[in-house]
Amino acid sequence: MSESGRHPTRQLLLLGLAQAVLFVVGALLGRWLGLALGFDAFGAGGYSNSAIFGILLIGLGGGGGVQLARAWYTRKYGSPRD
């Protein structure tokens, strides 16, 4: 952290990149888990219960990836909000 108490731009860019990558990885894992459980988010049946649960798993996976990236950054560099 710099003397002004703000994180350097390079570190914040690293946080953004980590969040973007882990969002995509988490969403893909959610998609694959949904398919393994029989919930197809992109099925041809419209918004059936299966599709809704598939969409939910994709969203939870993506959100979990973002939170994992933020936890890693906070543990390594401290909170970016300080």
PDB file of N, CA and C in Angstrom:
ATOM      1  N   MET A   1       0.839  -1.171   0.000  1.00  0.00           N
ATOM      2  CA  MET A   1       0.000   0.000   0.000  1.00  0.00           C
ATOM      3  C   MET A   1       0.881   1.229   0.000  1.00  0.00           C
ATOM      4  N   SER A   2       0.456   2.261  -0.677  1.00  0.00           N
ATOM      5  CA  SER A   2       1.248   3.482  -0.758  1.00  0.00           C
ATOM      6  C   SER A   2       1.061   4.318   0.507  1.00  0.00           C
ATOM      7  N   GLU A   3       1.842   5.400   0.595  1.00  0.00           N
ATOM      8  CA  GLU A   3       1.799   6.254   1.777  1.00  0.00           C
ATOM      9  C   GLU A   3       0.453   6.944   1.950  1.00  0.00           C
ATOM     10  N   SER A   4      -0.273   7.184   0.876  1.00  0.00           N
ATOM     11  CA  SER A   4      -1.561   7.863   0.976  1.00  0.00           C
ATOM     12  C   SER A   4      -2.657   6.928   1.481  1.00  0.00           C
ATOM     13  N   GLY A   5      -2.341   5.663   1.697  1.00  0.00           N
ATOM     14  CA  GLY A   5      -3.326   4.707   2.179  1.00  0.00           C
ATOM     15  C   GLY A   5      -4.111   4.026   1.079  1.00  0.00           C
ATOM     16  N   ARG A   6      -3.848   4.396  -0.163  1.00  0.00           N
ATOM     17  CA  ARG A   6      -4.554   3.794  -1.289  1.00  0.00           C
ATOM     18  C   ARG A   6      -3.690   2.700  -1.897  1.00  0.00           C
ATOM     19  N   HIS A   7      -4.341   1.702  -2.442  1.00  0.00           N
ATOM     20  CA  HIS A   7      -3.621   0.624  -3.104  1.00  0.00           C
ATOM     21  C   HIS A   7      -3.131   1.106  -4.464  1.00  0.00           C
ATOM     22  N   PRO A   8      -1.944   0.669  -4.863  1.00  0.00           N
ATOM     23  CA  PRO A   8      -1.432   1.048  -6.189  1.00  0.00           C
ATOM     24  C   PRO A   8      -2.348   0.524  -7.304  1.00  0.00           C
ATOM     25  N   THR A   9      -2.349   1.242  -8.387  1.00  0.00           N
ATOM     26  CA  THR A   9      -3.191   0.874  -9.524  1.00  0.00           C
ATOM     27  C   THR A   9      -2.884  -0.532 -10.011  1.00  0.00           C
ATOM     28  N   ARG A  10      -1.626  -0.913  -9.982  1.00  0.00           N
ATOM     29  CA  ARG A  10      -1.235  -2.252 -10.447  1.00  0.00           C
ATOM     30  C   ARG A  10      -1.897  -3.345  -9.608  1.00  0.00           C
ATOM     31  N   GLN A  11      -1.948  -3.148  -8.289  1.00  0.00           N
ATOM     32  CA  GLN A  11      -2.592  -4.134  -7.417  1.00  0.00           C
ATOM     33  C   GLN A  11      -4.101  -4.183  -7.658  1.00  0.00           C
ATOM     34  N   LEU A  12      -4.721  -3.029  -7.848  1.00  0.00           N
ATOM     35  CA  LEU A  12      -6.154  -3.008  -8.110  1.00  0.00           C
ATOM     36  C   LEU A  12      -6.489  -3.636  -9.461  1.00  0.00           C
ATOM     37  N   LEU A  13      -5.611  -3.453 -10.432  1.00  0.00           N
ATOM     38  CA  LEU A  13      -5.791  -4.116 -11.718  1.00  0.00           C
ATOM     39  C   LEU A  13      -5.702  -5.629 -11.557  1.00  0.00           C
ATOM     40  N   LEU A  14      -4.782  -6.074 -10.712  1.00  0.00           N
ATOM     41  CA  LEU A  14      -4.661  -7.501 -10.425  1.00  0.00           C
ATOM     42  C   LEU A  14      -5.940  -8.033  -9.786  1.00  0.00           C
ATOM     43  N   LEU A  15      -6.534  -7.262  -8.880  1.00  0.00           N
ATOM     44  CA  LEU A  15      -7.801  -7.652  -8.258  1.00  0.00           C
ATOM     45  C   LEU A  15      -8.892  -7.783  -9.317  1.00  0.00           C
ATOM     46  N   GLY A  16      -9.012  -6.815 -10.192  1.00  0.00           N
ATOM     47  CA  GLY A  16     -10.028  -6.862 -11.236  1.00  0.00           C
ATOM     48  C   GLY A  16      -9.842  -8.034 -12.179  1.00  0.00           C
ATOM     49  N   LEU A  17      -8.610  -8.298 -12.539  1.00  0.00           N
ATOM     50  CA  LEU A  17      -8.322  -9.428 -13.424  1.00  0.00           C
ATOM     51  C   LEU A  17      -8.643 -10.752 -12.741  1.00  0.00           C
ATOM     52  N   ALA A  18      -8.256 -10.879 -11.471  1.00  0.00           N
ATOM     53  CA  ALA A  18      -8.538 -12.107 -10.722  1.00  0.00           C
ATOM     54  C   ALA A  18     -10.043 -12.314 -10.584  1.00  0.00           C
ATOM     55  N   GLN A  19     -10.784 -11.253 -10.328  1.00  0.00           N
ATOM     56  CA  GLN A  19     -12.231 -11.370 -10.209  1.00  0.00           C
ATOM     57  C   GLN A  19     -12.863 -11.788 -11.533  1.00  0.00           C
ATOM     58  N   ALA A  20     -12.392 -11.218 -12.629  1.00  0.00           N
ATOM     59  CA  ALA A  20     -12.947 -11.564 -13.942  1.00  0.00           C
ATOM     60  C   ALA A  20     -12.681 -13.024 -14.286  1.00  0.00           C
ATOM     61  N   VAL A  21     -11.457 -13.466 -14.066  1.00  0.00           N
ATOM     62  CA  VAL A  21     -11.097 -14.846 -14.413  1.00  0.00           C
ATOM     63  C   VAL A  21     -11.863 -15.832 -13.535  1.00  0.00           C
ATOM     64  N   LEU A  22     -11.894 -15.578 -12.229  1.00  0.00           N
ATOM     65  CA  LEU A  22     -12.576 -16.517 -11.341  1.00  0.00           C
ATOM     66  C   LEU A  22     -14.087 -16.459 -11.488  1.00  0.00           C
ATOM     67  N   PHE A  23     -14.633 -15.329 -11.948  1.00  0.00           N
ATOM     68  CA  PHE A  23     -16.060 -15.282 -12.262  1.00  0.00           C
ATOM     69  C   PHE A  23     -16.381 -16.263 -13.386  1.00  0.00           C
ATOM     70  N   VAL A  24     -15.584 -16.218 -14.452  1.00  0.00           N
ATOM     71  CA  VAL A  24     -15.823 -17.107 -15.598  1.00  0.00           C
ATOM     72  C   VAL A  24     -15.620 -18.566 -15.191  1.00  0.00           C
ATOM     73  N   VAL A  25     -14.546 -18.848 -14.449  1.00  0.00           N
ATOM     74  CA  VAL A  25     -14.287 -20.221 -14.008  1.00  0.00           C
ATOM     75  C   VAL A  25     -15.423 -20.712 -13.119  1.00  0.00           C
ATOM     76  N   GLY A  26     -15.868 -19.880 -12.185  1.00  0.00           N
ATOM     77  CA  GLY A  26     -16.960 -20.276 -11.300  1.00  0.00           C
ATOM     78  C   GLY A  26     -18.262 -20.502 -12.046  1.00  0.00           C
ATOM     79  N   ALA A  27     -18.554 -19.636 -13.017  1.00  0.00           N
ATOM     80  CA  ALA A  27     -19.769 -19.804 -13.812  1.00  0.00           C
ATOM     81  C   ALA A  27     -19.720 -21.093 -14.632  1.00  0.00           C
ATOM     82  N   LEU A  28     -18.557 -21.393 -15.185  1.00  0.00           N
ATOM     83  CA  LEU A  28     -18.425 -22.651 -15.939  1.00  0.00           C
ATOM     84  C   LEU A  28     -18.589 -23.865 -15.033  1.00  0.00           C
ATOM     85  N   LEU A  29     -18.017 -23.788 -13.836  1.00  0.00           N
ATOM     86  CA  LEU A  29     -18.188 -24.898 -12.887  1.00  0.00           C
ATOM     87  C   LEU A  29     -19.658 -25.049 -12.489  1.00  0.00           C
ATOM     88  N   GLY A  30     -20.346 -23.920 -12.305  1.00  0.00           N
ATOM     89  CA  GLY A  30     -21.769 -23.971 -12.006  1.00  0.00           C
ATOM     90  C   GLY A  30     -22.561 -24.576 -13.145  1.00  0.00           C
ATOM     91  N   ARG A  31     -22.196 -24.229 -14.354  1.00  0.00           N
ATOM     92  CA  ARG A  31     -22.873 -24.798 -15.540  1.00  0.00           C
ATOM     93  C   ARG A  31     -22.671 -26.302 -15.617  1.00  0.00           C
ATOM     94  N   TRP A  32     -21.419 -26.732 -15.434  1.00  0.00           N
ATOM     95  CA  TRP A  32     -21.127 -28.163 -15.506  1.00  0.00           C
ATOM     96  C   TRP A  32     -21.793 -28.932 -14.368  1.00  0.00           C
ATOM     97  N   LEU A  33     -21.831 -28.336 -13.183  1.00  0.00           N
ATOM     98  CA  LEU A  33     -22.515 -28.981 -12.065  1.00  0.00           C
ATOM     99  C   LEU A  33     -24.006 -29.087 -12.359  1.00  0.00           C
ATOM    100  N   GLY A  34     -24.574 -28.028 -12.911  1.00  0.00           N
ATOM    101  CA  GLY A  34     -25.983 -28.068 -13.273  1.00  0.00           C
ATOM    102  C   GLY A  34     -26.289 -29.144 -14.295  1.00  0.00           C
ATOM    103  N   LEU A  35     -25.443 -29.269 -15.287  1.00  0.00           N
ATOM    104  CA  LEU A  35     -25.651 -30.322 -16.289  1.00  0.00           C
ATOM    105  C   LEU A  35     -25.528 -31.705 -15.669  1.00  0.00           C
ATOM    106  N   ALA A  36     -24.575 -31.876 -14.750  1.00  0.00           N
ATOM    107  CA  ALA A  36     -24.399 -33.169 -14.086  1.00  0.00           C
ATOM    108  C   ALA A  36     -25.616 -33.522 -13.230  1.00  0.00           C
ATOM    109  N   LEU A  37     -26.272 -32.508 -12.684  1.00  0.00           N
ATOM    110  CA  LEU A  37     -27.457 -32.742 -11.848  1.00  0.00           C
ATOM    111  C   LEU A  37     -28.754 -32.739 -12.654  1.00  0.00           C
ATOM    112  N   GLY A  38     -28.654 -32.482 -13.955  1.00  0.00           N
ATOM    113  CA  GLY A  38     -29.825 -32.496 -14.815  1.00  0.00           C
ATOM    114  C   GLY A  38     -30.524 -31.159 -14.954  1.00  0.00           C
ATOM    115  N   PHE A  39     -29.863 -30.062 -14.582  1.00  0.00           N
ATOM    116  CA  PHE A  39     -30.446 -28.731 -14.700  1.00  0.00           C
ATOM    117  C   PHE A  39     -29.789 -28.010 -15.863  1.00  0.00           C
ATOM    118  N   ASP A  40     -30.494 -27.925 -17.001  1.00  0.00           N
ATOM    119  CA  ASP A  40     -29.936 -27.300 -18.199  1.00  0.00           C
ATOM    120  C   ASP A  40     -30.440 -25.868 -18.310  1.00  0.00           C
ATOM    121  N   ALA A  41     -29.566 -24.904 -18.036  1.00  0.00           N
ATOM    122  CA  ALA A  41     -29.944 -23.498 -18.060  1.00  0.00           C
ATOM    123  C   ALA A  41     -30.314 -23.021 -19.461  1.00  0.00           C
ATOM    124  N   PHE A  42     -29.793 -23.663 -20.476  1.00  0.00           N
ATOM    125  CA  PHE A  42     -30.033 -23.232 -21.849  1.00  0.00           C
ATOM    126  C   PHE A  42     -30.879 -24.234 -22.620  1.00  0.00           C
ATOM    127  N   GLY A  43     -31.694 -24.986 -21.900  1.00  0.00           N
ATOM    128  CA  GLY A  43     -32.544 -25.987 -22.542  1.00  0.00           C
ATOM    129  C   GLY A  43     -33.609 -25.342 -23.418  1.00  0.00           C
ATOM    130  N   ALA A  44     -34.156 -26.125 -24.319  1.00  0.00           N
ATOM    131  CA  ALA A  44     -35.126 -25.616 -25.284  1.00  0.00           C
ATOM    132  C   ALA A  44     -36.515 -25.460 -24.689  1.00  0.00           C
ATOM    133  N   GLY A  45     -36.707 -25.845 -23.430  1.00  0.00           N
ATOM    134  CA  GLY A  45     -38.040 -25.822 -22.829  1.00  0.00           C
ATOM    135  C   GLY A  45     -38.469 -24.488 -22.265  1.00  0.00           C
ATOM    136  N   GLY A  46     -37.731 -23.439 -22.493  1.00  0.00           N
ATOM    137  CA  GLY A  46     -38.092 -22.140 -21.930  1.00  0.00           C
ATOM    138  C   GLY A  46     -37.637 -22.041 -20.484  1.00  0.00           C
ATOM    139  N   TYR A  47     -38.426 -21.333 -19.674  1.00  0.00           N
ATOM    140  CA  TYR A  47     -38.056 -21.130 -18.270  1.00  0.00           C
ATOM    141  C   TYR A  47     -38.720 -22.182 -17.387  1.00  0.00           C
ATOM    142  N   SER A  48     -38.306 -23.405 -17.546  1.00  0.00           N
ATOM    143  CA  SER A  48     -38.799 -24.480 -16.689  1.00  0.00           C
ATOM    144  C   SER A  48     -38.046 -24.441 -15.357  1.00  0.00           C
ATOM    145  N   ASN A  49     -38.483 -25.236 -14.418  1.00  0.00           N
ATOM    146  CA  ASN A  49     -37.778 -25.312 -13.137  1.00  0.00           C
ATOM    147  C   ASN A  49     -36.330 -25.756 -13.326  1.00  0.00           C
ATOM    148  N   SER A  50     -36.106 -26.661 -14.248  1.00  0.00           N
ATOM    149  CA  SER A  50     -34.754 -27.129 -14.535  1.00  0.00           C
ATOM    150  C   SER A  50     -33.865 -25.991 -15.026  1.00  0.00           C
ATOM    151  N   ALA A  51     -34.412 -25.160 -15.898  1.00  0.00           N
ATOM    152  CA  ALA A  51     -33.645 -24.034 -16.431  1.00  0.00           C
ATOM    153  C   ALA A  51     -33.364 -23.002 -15.338  1.00  0.00           C
ATOM    154  N   ILE A  52     -34.343 -22.735 -14.490  1.00  0.00           N
ATOM    155  CA  ILE A  52     -34.157 -21.760 -13.412  1.00  0.00           C
ATOM    156  C   ILE A  52     -33.068 -22.219 -12.459  1.00  0.00           C
ATOM    157  N   PHE A  53     -33.087 -23.490 -12.073  1.00  0.00           N
ATOM    158  CA  PHE A  53     -32.047 -23.999 -11.183  1.00  0.00           C
ATOM    159  C   PHE A  53     -30.679 -24.006 -11.861  1.00  0.00           C
ATOM    160  N   GLY A  54     -30.642 -24.264 -13.162  1.00  0.00           N
ATOM    161  CA  GLY A  54     -29.385 -24.181 -13.906  1.00  0.00           C
ATOM    162  C   GLY A  54     -28.831 -22.767 -13.919  1.00  0.00           C
ATOM    163  N   ILE A  55     -29.703 -21.785 -14.131  1.00  0.00           N
ATOM    164  CA  ILE A  55     -29.287 -20.386 -14.101  1.00  0.00           C
ATOM    165  C   ILE A  55     -28.795 -20.003 -12.712  1.00  0.00           C
ATOM    166  N   LEU A  56     -29.478 -20.475 -11.692  1.00  0.00           N
ATOM    167  CA  LEU A  56     -29.083 -20.206 -10.305  1.00  0.00           C
ATOM    168  C   LEU A  56     -27.688 -20.753 -10.013  1.00  0.00           C
ATOM    169  N   LEU A  57     -27.404 -21.962 -10.464  1.00  0.00           N
ATOM    170  CA  LEU A  57     -26.083 -22.547 -10.236  1.00  0.00           C
ATOM    171  C   LEU A  57     -24.984 -21.775 -10.964  1.00  0.00           C
ATOM    172  N   ILE A  58     -25.270 -21.309 -12.155  1.00  0.00           N
ATOM    173  CA  ILE A  58     -24.291 -20.497 -12.890  1.00  0.00           C
ATOM    174  C   ILE A  58     -24.018 -19.196 -12.134  1.00  0.00           C
ATOM    175  N   GLY A  59     -25.069 -18.549 -11.666  1.00  0.00           N
ATOM    176  CA  GLY A  59     -24.913 -17.305 -10.907  1.00  0.00           C
ATOM    177  C   GLY A  59     -24.162 -17.505  -9.605  1.00  0.00           C
ATOM    178  N   LEU A  60     -24.481 -18.567  -8.885  1.00  0.00           N
ATOM    179  CA  LEU A  60     -23.781 -18.854  -7.633  1.00  0.00           C
ATOM    180  C   LEU A  60     -22.309 -19.171  -7.879  1.00  0.00           C
ATOM    181  N   GLY A  61     -22.028 -19.907  -8.940  1.00  0.00           N
ATOM    182  CA  GLY A  61     -20.637 -20.216  -9.271  1.00  0.00           C
ATOM    183  C   GLY A  61     -19.847 -18.966  -9.621  1.00  0.00           C
ATOM    184  N   GLY A  62     -20.429 -18.103 -10.437  1.00  0.00           N
ATOM    185  CA  GLY A  62     -19.748 -16.861 -10.808  1.00  0.00           C
ATOM    186  C   GLY A  62     -19.539 -15.948  -9.610  1.00  0.00           C
ATOM    187  N   GLY A  63     -20.558 -15.799  -8.792  1.00  0.00           N
ATOM    188  CA  GLY A  63     -20.444 -14.965  -7.596  1.00  0.00           C
ATOM    189  C   GLY A  63     -19.446 -15.526  -6.601  1.00  0.00           C
ATOM    190  N   GLY A  64     -19.425 -16.847  -6.474  1.00  0.00           N
ATOM    191  CA  GLY A  64     -18.446 -17.480  -5.586  1.00  0.00           C
ATOM    192  C   GLY A  64     -17.025 -17.253  -6.063  1.00  0.00           C
ATOM    193  N   GLY A  65     -16.825 -17.277  -7.373  1.00  0.00           N
ATOM    194  CA  GLY A  65     -15.496 -17.010  -7.922  1.00  0.00           C
ATOM    195  C   GLY A  65     -15.033 -15.596  -7.630  1.00  0.00           C
ATOM    196  N   VAL A  66     -15.932 -14.637  -7.742  1.00  0.00           N
ATOM    197  CA  VAL A  66     -15.594 -13.246  -7.441  1.00  0.00           C
ATOM    198  C   VAL A  66     -15.229 -13.096  -5.965  1.00  0.00           C
ATOM    199  N   GLN A  67     -16.001 -13.723  -5.095  1.00  0.00           N
ATOM    200  CA  GLN A  67     -15.726 -13.631  -3.664  1.00  0.00           C
ATOM    201  C   GLN A  67     -14.410 -14.312  -3.302  1.00  0.00           C
ATOM    202  N   LEU A  68     -14.104 -15.401  -3.969  1.00  0.00           N
ATOM    203  CA  LEU A  68     -12.825 -16.084  -3.743  1.00  0.00           C
ATOM    204  C   LEU A  68     -11.659 -15.186  -4.144  1.00  0.00           C
ATOM    205  N   ALA A  69     -11.773 -14.492  -5.265  1.00  0.00           N
ATOM    206  CA  ALA A  69     -10.720 -13.572  -5.708  1.00  0.00           C
ATOM    207  C   ALA A  69     -10.555 -12.423  -4.726  1.00  0.00           C
ATOM    208  N   ARG A  70     -11.668 -11.881  -4.235  1.00  0.00           N
ATOM    209  CA  ARG A  70     -11.599 -10.773  -3.280  1.00  0.00           C
ATOM    210  C   ARG A  70     -10.962 -11.232  -1.961  1.00  0.00           C
ATOM    211  N   ALA A  71     -11.303 -12.430  -1.504  1.00  0.00           N
ATOM    212  CA  ALA A  71     -10.714 -12.958  -0.266  1.00  0.00           C
ATOM    213  C   ALA A  71      -9.205 -13.147  -0.432  1.00  0.00           C
ATOM    214  N   TRP A  72      -8.788 -13.653  -1.592  1.00  0.00           N
ATOM    215  CA  TRP A  72      -7.358 -13.827  -1.852  1.00  0.00           C
ATOM    216  C   TRP A  72      -6.640 -12.481  -1.810  1.00  0.00           C
ATOM    217  N   TYR A  73      -7.218 -11.485  -2.481  1.00  0.00           N
ATOM    218  CA  TYR A  73      -6.596 -10.157  -2.532  1.00  0.00           C
ATOM    219  C   TYR A  73      -6.507  -9.548  -1.126  1.00  0.00           C
ATOM    220  N   THR A  74      -7.576  -9.654  -0.363  1.00  0.00           N
ATOM    221  CA  THR A  74      -7.604  -9.078   0.982  1.00  0.00           C
ATOM    222  C   THR A  74      -6.573  -9.747   1.882  1.00  0.00           C
ATOM    223  N   ARG A  75      -6.432 -11.055   1.754  1.00  0.00           N
ATOM    224  CA  ARG A  75      -5.450 -11.775   2.555  1.00  0.00           C
ATOM    225  C   ARG A  75      -4.030 -11.374   2.181  1.00  0.00           C
ATOM    226  N   LYS A  76      -3.808 -11.123   0.896  1.00  0.00           N
ATOM    227  CA  LYS A  76      -2.445 -10.811   0.431  1.00  0.00           C
ATOM    228  C   LYS A  76      -2.093  -9.329   0.610  1.00  0.00           C
ATOM    229  N   TYR A  77      -3.017  -8.417   0.282  1.00  0.00           N
ATOM    230  CA  TYR A  77      -2.709  -6.990   0.250  1.00  0.00           C
ATOM    231  C   TYR A  77      -3.501  -6.141   1.252  1.00  0.00           C
ATOM    232  N   GLY A  78      -4.490  -6.714   1.893  1.00  0.00           N
ATOM    233  CA  GLY A  78      -5.356  -5.927   2.765  1.00  0.00           C
ATOM    234  C   GLY A  78      -6.587  -5.478   1.996  1.00  0.00           C
ATOM    235  N   SER A  79      -7.526  -4.936   2.701  1.00  0.00           N
ATOM    236  CA  SER A  79      -8.790  -4.533   2.085  1.00  0.00           C
ATOM    237  C   SER A  79      -8.593  -3.379   1.106  1.00  0.00           C
ATOM    238  N   PRO A  80      -9.159  -3.489  -0.095  1.00  0.00           N
ATOM    239  CA  PRO A  80      -9.011  -2.398  -1.061  1.00  0.00           C
ATOM    240  C   PRO A  80      -9.855  -1.178  -0.689  1.00  0.00           C
ATOM    241  N   ARG A  81     -10.718  -1.291   0.282  1.00  0.00           N
ATOM    242  CA  ARG A  81     -11.596  -0.181   0.679  1.00  0.00           C
ATOM    243  C   ARG A  81     -10.986   0.697   1.751  1.00  0.00           C
ATOM    244  N   ASP A  82      -9.856   0.292   2.322  1.00  0.00           N
ATOM    245  CA  ASP A  82      -9.214   1.088   3.383  1.00  0.00           C
ATOM    246  C   ASP A  82      -8.556   2.321   2.828  1.00  0.00           C
TER     247      ASP A  82
END
